C-alpha atoms as a PDB file:
ATOM      1  CA  MET A   1       0.134   0.003   0.013  1.00  0.00           C
ATOM      2  CA  LYS A   2       2.874   2.254   0.684  1.00  0.00           C
ATOM      3  CA  LEU A   3       4.027   1.745  -2.779  1.00  0.00           C
ATOM      4  CA  LEU A   4       0.886   2.604  -4.494  1.00  0.00           C
ATOM      5  CA  SER A   5       0.900   6.036  -2.181  1.00  0.00           C
ATOM      6  CA  THR A   6       4.260   6.900  -3.012  1.00  0.00           C
ATOM      7  CA  ILE A   7       3.307   6.551  -7.043  1.00  0.00           C
ATOM      8  CA  THR A   8       0.002   8.401  -6.595  1.00  0.00           C
ATOM      9  CA  ALA A   9       1.989  11.453  -4.726  1.00  0.00           C
ATOM     10  CA  ALA A  10       4.675  11.027  -7.424  1.00  0.00           C
ATOM     11  CA  ALA A  11       2.015  11.057 -10.366  1.00  0.00           C
ATOM     12  CA  LEU A  12       0.446  14.085  -8.610  1.00  0.00           C
ATOM     13  CA  ALA A  13       3.716  15.988  -8.530  1.00  0.00           C
ATOM     14  CA  LEU A  14       4.356  15.524 -12.211  1.00  0.00           C
ATOM     15  CA  ALA A  15       0.876  16.058 -13.385  1.00  0.00           C
ATOM     16  CA  ALA A  16       0.691  19.670 -12.443  1.00  0.00           C
ATOM     17  CA  VAL A  17       2.171  21.653 -14.990  1.00  0.00           C
ATOM     18  CA  PRO A  18       3.412  25.023 -13.918  1.00  0.00           C
ATOM     19  CA  ALA A  19       2.218  28.460 -15.056  1.00  0.00           C
ATOM     20  CA  VAL A  20       5.218  29.106 -17.219  1.00  0.00           C
ATOM     21  CA  ALA A  21       3.962  26.718 -19.490  1.00  0.00           C
ATOM     22  CA  GLN A  22       1.597  27.907 -22.024  1.00  0.00           C
ATOM     23  CA  LEU A  23       0.018  26.723 -24.901  1.00  0.00           C
ATOM     24  CA  ALA A  24      -2.511  29.579 -25.010  1.00  0.00           C
ATOM     25  CA  GLN A  25      -1.643  33.381 -25.050  1.00  0.00           C
ATOM     26  CA  ASP A  26      -3.194  33.878 -21.359  1.00  0.00           C
ATOM     27  CA  THR A  27      -0.422  32.642 -19.603  1.00  0.00           C
ATOM     28  CA  SER A  28      -1.761  32.792 -16.090  1.00  0.00           C
ATOM     29  CA  ALA A  29      -4.453  29.918 -16.775  1.00  0.00           C
ATOM     30  CA  PRO A  30      -3.615  26.736 -15.658  1.00  0.00           C
ATOM     31  CA  VAL A  31      -2.979  24.059 -18.032  1.00  0.00           C
ATOM     32  CA  ASP A  32      -5.417  21.111 -17.564  1.00  0.00           C
ATOM     33  CA  ILE A  33      -4.326  17.487 -19.001  1.00  0.00           C
ATOM     34  CA  THR A  34      -6.066  14.443 -19.488  1.00  0.00           C
ATOM     35  CA  ALA A  35      -5.872  11.170 -21.098  1.00  0.00           C
ATOM     36  CA  ASP A  36      -6.726   7.441 -20.601  1.00  0.00           C
ATOM     37  CA  GLU A  37      -3.554   6.452 -18.923  1.00  0.00           C
ATOM     38  CA  LEU A  38      -0.578   8.310 -16.959  1.00  0.00           C
ATOM     39  CA  GLU A  39       3.009   6.889 -16.846  1.00  0.00           C
ATOM     40  CA  VAL A  40       5.547   8.808 -14.693  1.00  0.00           C
ATOM     41  CA  ILE A  41       9.251   8.344 -14.691  1.00  0.00           C
ATOM     42  CA  ASN A  42      10.165  10.596 -11.564  1.00  0.00           C
ATOM     43  CA  THR A  43      14.041   9.802 -12.001  1.00  0.00           C
ATOM     44  CA  GLU A  44      13.900  11.665 -15.538  1.00  0.00           C
ATOM     45  CA  CYS A  45      11.073  14.233 -14.530  1.00  0.00           C
ATOM     46  CA  VAL A  46       9.032  12.795 -17.571  1.00  0.00           C
ATOM     47  CA  SER A  47       5.211  12.092 -17.726  1.00  0.00           C
ATOM     48  CA  ILE A  48       3.687  10.419 -20.669  1.00  0.00           C
ATOM     49  CA  TRP A  49       0.107  10.653 -20.878  1.00  0.00           C
ATOM     50  CA  ARG A  50      -1.809   8.162 -23.399  1.00  0.00           C
ATOM     51  CA  GLY A  51      -5.046   7.587 -25.209  1.00  0.00           C
ATOM     52  CA  SER A  52      -6.784  10.540 -26.132  1.00  0.00           C
ATOM     53  CA  ALA A  53      -4.455  12.642 -24.798  1.00  0.00           C
ATOM     54  CA  GLU A  54      -5.244  16.568 -24.276  1.00  0.00           C
ATOM     55  CA  ALA A  55      -3.540  19.683 -22.963  1.00  0.00           C
ATOM     56  CA  LEU A  56      -6.066  22.640 -22.099  1.00  0.00           C
ATOM     57  CA  GLN A  57      -5.024  25.918 -21.227  1.00  0.00           C
ATOM     58  CA  ALA A  58      -7.413  28.954 -21.410  1.00  0.00           C
ATOM     59  CA  ASP A  59      -8.758  28.624 -25.266  1.00  0.00           C
ATOM     60  CA  ALA A  60      -6.220  26.553 -26.622  1.00  0.00           C
ATOM     61  CA  ARG A  61      -6.209  22.878 -26.941  1.00  0.00           C
ATOM     62  CA  LEU A  62      -3.408  20.159 -27.711  1.00  0.00           C
ATOM     63  CA  ARG A  63      -4.497  16.888 -28.696  1.00  0.00           C
ATOM     64  CA  ALA A  64      -2.800  13.751 -29.786  1.00  0.00           C
ATOM     65  CA  ASN A  65      -2.578   9.968 -29.127  1.00  0.00           C
ATOM     66  CA  VAL A  66       0.129  10.669 -26.738  1.00  0.00           C
ATOM     67  CA  LEU A  67       1.838  13.705 -24.706  1.00  0.00           C
ATOM     68  CA  THR A  68       4.922  13.467 -23.430  1.00  0.00           C
ATOM     69  CA  ALA A  69       5.824  15.928 -20.798  1.00  0.00           C
ATOM     70  CA  ARG A  70       9.444  16.547 -19.864  1.00  0.00           C
ATOM     71  CA  PHE A  71      10.034  18.796 -16.940  1.00  0.00           C
ATOM     72  CA  GLN A  72      13.393  20.645 -15.536  1.00  0.00           C
ATOM     73  CA  THR A  73      15.216  18.034 -13.267  1.00  0.00           C
ATOM     74  CA  ARG A  74      16.753  20.329 -10.263  1.00  0.00           C
ATOM     75  CA  GLY A  75      18.625  17.188  -8.570  1.00  0.00           C
ATOM     76  CA  ALA A  76      17.582  14.283  -6.330  1.00  0.00           C
ATOM     77  CA  THR A  77      15.476  14.183  -3.039  1.00  0.00           C
ATOM     78  CA  THR A  78      16.186  12.107  -0.255  1.00  0.00           C
ATOM     79  CA  ALA A  79      13.760   9.705  -1.510  1.00  0.00           C
ATOM     80  CA  GLY A  80      16.156   9.106  -4.122  1.00  0.00           C
ATOM     81  CA  ALA A  81      13.228  10.422  -6.687  1.00  0.00           C
ATOM     82  CA  GLY A  82      14.024  13.747  -9.108  1.00  0.00           C
ATOM     83  CA  ASP A  83      13.093  17.094  -7.828  1.00  0.00           C
ATOM     84  CA  CYS A  84      11.237  18.358 -11.230  1.00  0.00           C
ATOM     85  CA  GLY A  85      10.472  21.823 -12.125  1.00  0.00           C
ATOM     86  CA  ASP A  86       8.997  23.353 -14.538  1.00  0.00           C
ATOM     87  CA  LEU A  87       7.759  22.186 -17.694  1.00  0.00           C
ATOM     88  CA  VAL A  88      10.662  22.219 -20.634  1.00  0.00           C
ATOM     89  CA  ARG A  89       9.200  20.467 -23.711  1.00  0.00           C
ATOM     90  CA  MET A  90       6.025  18.573 -24.595  1.00  0.00           C
ATOM     91  CA  GLU A  91       5.809  15.968 -27.253  1.00  0.00           C
ATOM     92  CA  ALA A  92       2.682  14.993 -29.349  1.00  0.00           C
ATOM     93  CA  GLN A  93       2.601  12.084 -31.266  1.00  0.00           C
ATOM     94  CA  GLY A  94       0.076  10.624 -33.701  1.00  0.00           C
ATOM     95  CA  GLN A  95      -3.505  12.402 -34.993  1.00  0.00           C
ATOM     96  CA  VAL A  96      -1.933  15.633 -33.553  1.00  0.00           C
ATOM     97  CA  TYR A  97      -4.594  18.548 -33.144  1.00  0.00           C
ATOM     98  CA  TYR A  98      -3.762  21.983 -31.942  1.00  0.00           C
ATOM     99  CA  ALA A  99      -6.643  24.822 -31.553  1.00  0.00           C
ATOM    100  CA  THR A 100      -7.187  28.635 -30.521  1.00  0.00           C
ATOM    101  CA  PRO A 101     -10.349  30.477 -31.295  1.00  0.00           C
ATOM    102  CA  GLN A 102      -8.500  31.959 -34.471  1.00  0.00           C
ATOM    103  CA  GLN A 103      -6.921  28.772 -36.129  1.00  0.00           C
ATOM    104  CA  ARG A 104      -6.914  25.198 -36.003  1.00  0.00           C
ATOM    105  CA  VAL A 105      -3.832  23.209 -37.418  1.00  0.00           C
ATOM    106  CA  ARG A 106      -3.782  19.006 -37.672  1.00  0.00           C
ATOM    107  CA  ALA A 107      -0.433  17.131 -37.769  1.00  0.00           C
ATOM    108  CA  ASP A 108       1.410  13.870 -37.495  1.00  0.00           C
ATOM    109  CA  ASN A 109       3.758  14.816 -34.568  1.00  0.00           C
ATOM    110  CA  ALA A 110       4.517  18.099 -32.491  1.00  0.00           C
ATOM    111  CA  VAL A 111       6.700  19.564 -29.926  1.00  0.00           C
ATOM    112  CA  TYR A 112       6.367  22.335 -27.760  1.00  0.00           C
ATOM    113  CA  GLU A 113       9.402  24.129 -26.394  1.00  0.00           C
ATOM    114  CA  ALA A 114       8.381  25.927 -23.331  1.00  0.00           C
ATOM    115  CA  THR A 115      11.395  28.657 -23.366  1.00  0.00           C
ATOM    116  CA  GLY A 116      10.840  29.600 -26.932  1.00  0.00           C
ATOM    117  CA  GLU A 117       7.247  29.228 -26.466  1.00  0.00           C
ATOM    118  CA  THR A 118       7.020  27.440 -29.660  1.00  0.00           C
ATOM    119  CA  LEU A 119       4.954  24.954 -31.330  1.00  0.00           C
ATOM    120  CA  THR A 120       6.668  22.783 -33.968  1.00  0.00           C
ATOM    121  CA  MET A 121       4.142  20.717 -35.893  1.00  0.00           C
ATOM    122  CA  THR A 122       5.525  17.926 -38.601  1.00  0.00           C
ATOM    123  CA  GLY A 123       4.187  15.534 -41.130  1.00  0.00           C
ATOM    124  CA  ASP A 124       0.971  16.235 -42.968  1.00  0.00           C
ATOM    125  CA  VAL A 125       0.084  19.455 -41.741  1.00  0.00           C
ATOM    126  CA  VAL A 126      -3.050  21.688 -42.487  1.00  0.00           C
ATOM    127  CA  ALA A 127      -4.083  24.813 -41.017  1.00  0.00           C
ATOM    128  CA  VAL A 128      -7.277  26.355 -40.968  1.00  0.00           C
ATOM    129  CA  GLN A 129      -8.421  29.966 -40.436  1.00  0.00           C
ATOM    130  CA  GLY A 130     -12.246  30.444 -41.091  1.00  0.00           C
ATOM    131  CA  GLN A 131     -12.439  29.052 -44.609  1.00  0.00           C
ATOM    132  CA  ASN A 132      -8.724  29.935 -45.268  1.00  0.00           C
ATOM    133  CA  VAL A 133      -6.513  26.699 -45.377  1.00  0.00           C
ATOM    134  CA  LEU A 134      -2.704  26.320 -45.741  1.00  0.00           C
ATOM    135  CA  ARG A 135      -0.842  22.811 -46.125  1.00  0.00           C
ATOM    136  CA  GLY A 136       2.931  21.824 -45.747  1.00  0.00           C
ATOM    137  CA  THR A 137       5.240  19.791 -43.852  1.00  0.00           C
ATOM    138  CA  ARG A 138       6.615  21.805 -41.125  1.00  0.00           C
ATOM    139  CA  MET A 139       4.874  24.530 -39.171  1.00  0.00           C
ATOM    140  CA  VAL A 140       6.077  26.723 -36.320  1.00  0.00           C
ATOM    141  CA  ILE A 141       3.886  28.541 -34.201  1.00  0.00           C
ATOM    142  CA  ASN A 142       4.391  31.010 -31.779  1.00  0.00           C
ATOM    143  CA  THR A 143       2.149  30.640 -29.017  1.00  0.00           C
ATOM    144  CA  ARG A 144       2.435  33.557 -27.350  1.00  0.00           C
ATOM    145  CA  THR A 145       1.761  35.967 -30.474  1.00  0.00           C
ATOM    146  CA  GLY A 146       0.215  33.563 -32.620  1.00  0.00           C
ATOM    147  CA  GLN A 147       2.280  34.108 -35.442  1.00  0.00           C
ATOM    148  CA  GLY A 148       3.548  31.039 -37.230  1.00  0.00           C
ATOM    149  CA  THR A 149       5.644  29.853 -40.452  1.00  0.00           C
ATOM    150  CA  MET A 150       5.057  27.136 -42.755  1.00  0.00           C
ATOM    151  CA  GLN A 151       7.359  24.890 -44.746  1.00  0.00           C
ATOM    152  CA  GLY A 152       6.787  22.291 -47.653  1.00  0.00           C
ATOM    153  CA  ALA A 153       8.696  19.216 -48.431  1.00  0.00           C
ATOM    154  CA  ALA A 154      10.008  20.583 -52.026  1.00  0.00           C
ATOM    155  CA  THR A 155      11.221  23.749 -53.722  1.00  0.00           C
ATOM    156  CA  GLY A 156      10.572  24.925 -57.204  1.00  0.00           C
ATOM    157  CA  ARG A 157       8.054  25.471 -59.552  1.00  0.00           C
ATOM    158  CA  ASN A 158       5.425  22.534 -60.504  1.00  0.00           C
ATOM    159  CA  GLN A 159       7.252  20.418 -57.753  1.00  0.00           C
ATOM    160  CA  THR A 160       4.834  18.804 -55.159  1.00  0.00           C
ATOM    161  CA  GLY A 161       4.915  18.996 -51.723  1.00  0.00           C
ATOM    162  CA  ARG A 162       5.334  22.931 -51.801  1.00  0.00           C
ATOM    163  CA  VAL A 163       3.405  24.756 -49.079  1.00  0.00           C
ATOM    164  CA  ARG A 164      -0.061  25.406 -50.469  1.00  0.00           C
ATOM    165  CA  GLY A 165      -2.641  28.190 -49.388  1.00  0.00           C
ATOM    166  CA  VAL A 166      -6.359  28.343 -50.446  1.00  0.00           C
ATOM    167  CA  PHE A 167      -7.583  31.919 -49.384  1.00  0.00           C
ATOM    168  CA  TYR A 168     -11.094  33.315 -49.482  1.00  0.00           C
ATOM    169  CA  PRO A 169     -12.384  36.514 -50.131  1.00  0.00           C
ATOM    170  CA  SER A 170     -14.258  38.130 -47.382  1.00  0.00           C
ATOM    171  CA  GLN A 171     -18.131  38.009 -48.143  1.00  0.00           C
ATOM    172  CA  GLN A 172     -19.298  41.528 -47.492  1.00  0.00           C
ATOM    173  CA  SER A 173     -22.909  42.457 -48.300  1.00  0.00           C
ATOM    174  CA  ALA A 174     -23.382  45.064 -50.963  1.00  0.00           C
ATOM    175  CA  PRO A 175     -25.149  48.378 -49.203  1.00  0.00           C
ATOM    176  CA  ALA A 176     -28.931  48.726 -50.030  1.00  0.00           C
ATOM    177  CA  ARG A 177     -29.653  50.878 -52.600  1.00  0.00           C
ATOM    178  CA  PRO A 178     -31.928  54.031 -51.607  1.00  0.00           C
END
């Protein structure tokens, strides 16, 4: 029973993601992570969330088959487990989906770097904003500003795998005539 309580305490310690991590522009909002299963490796300051894993912060959502959170290691405690600090990196694998009120992006994999406040999405990347669609193989989003860049798998005219965008003009109704 003591082992179970130690594991539970360790899982709770790693489950909380400090406020320095931000998936949303609101850095004061807590990060809430859910999944079907959680594995914690205290000595490495890693938590692995498997099965419909989802991280929410304010109005931003990062969803994937697996989310791996890596925390800063600050040394060992008297119990031999690592003393873990702030979130350093979060890796998302399989059916990755990132959404804010302004945009939705899907990809095969993603890596969130807390220090640079960037989310790098790779694979078959599709970004949608309103009706506008942008496709490529690598997109880097600054989670604080919402700005991003997209790259393709090829360069040069008539090459498949280039970055592609389809943009629709805004539909404004014509003013009524007197």
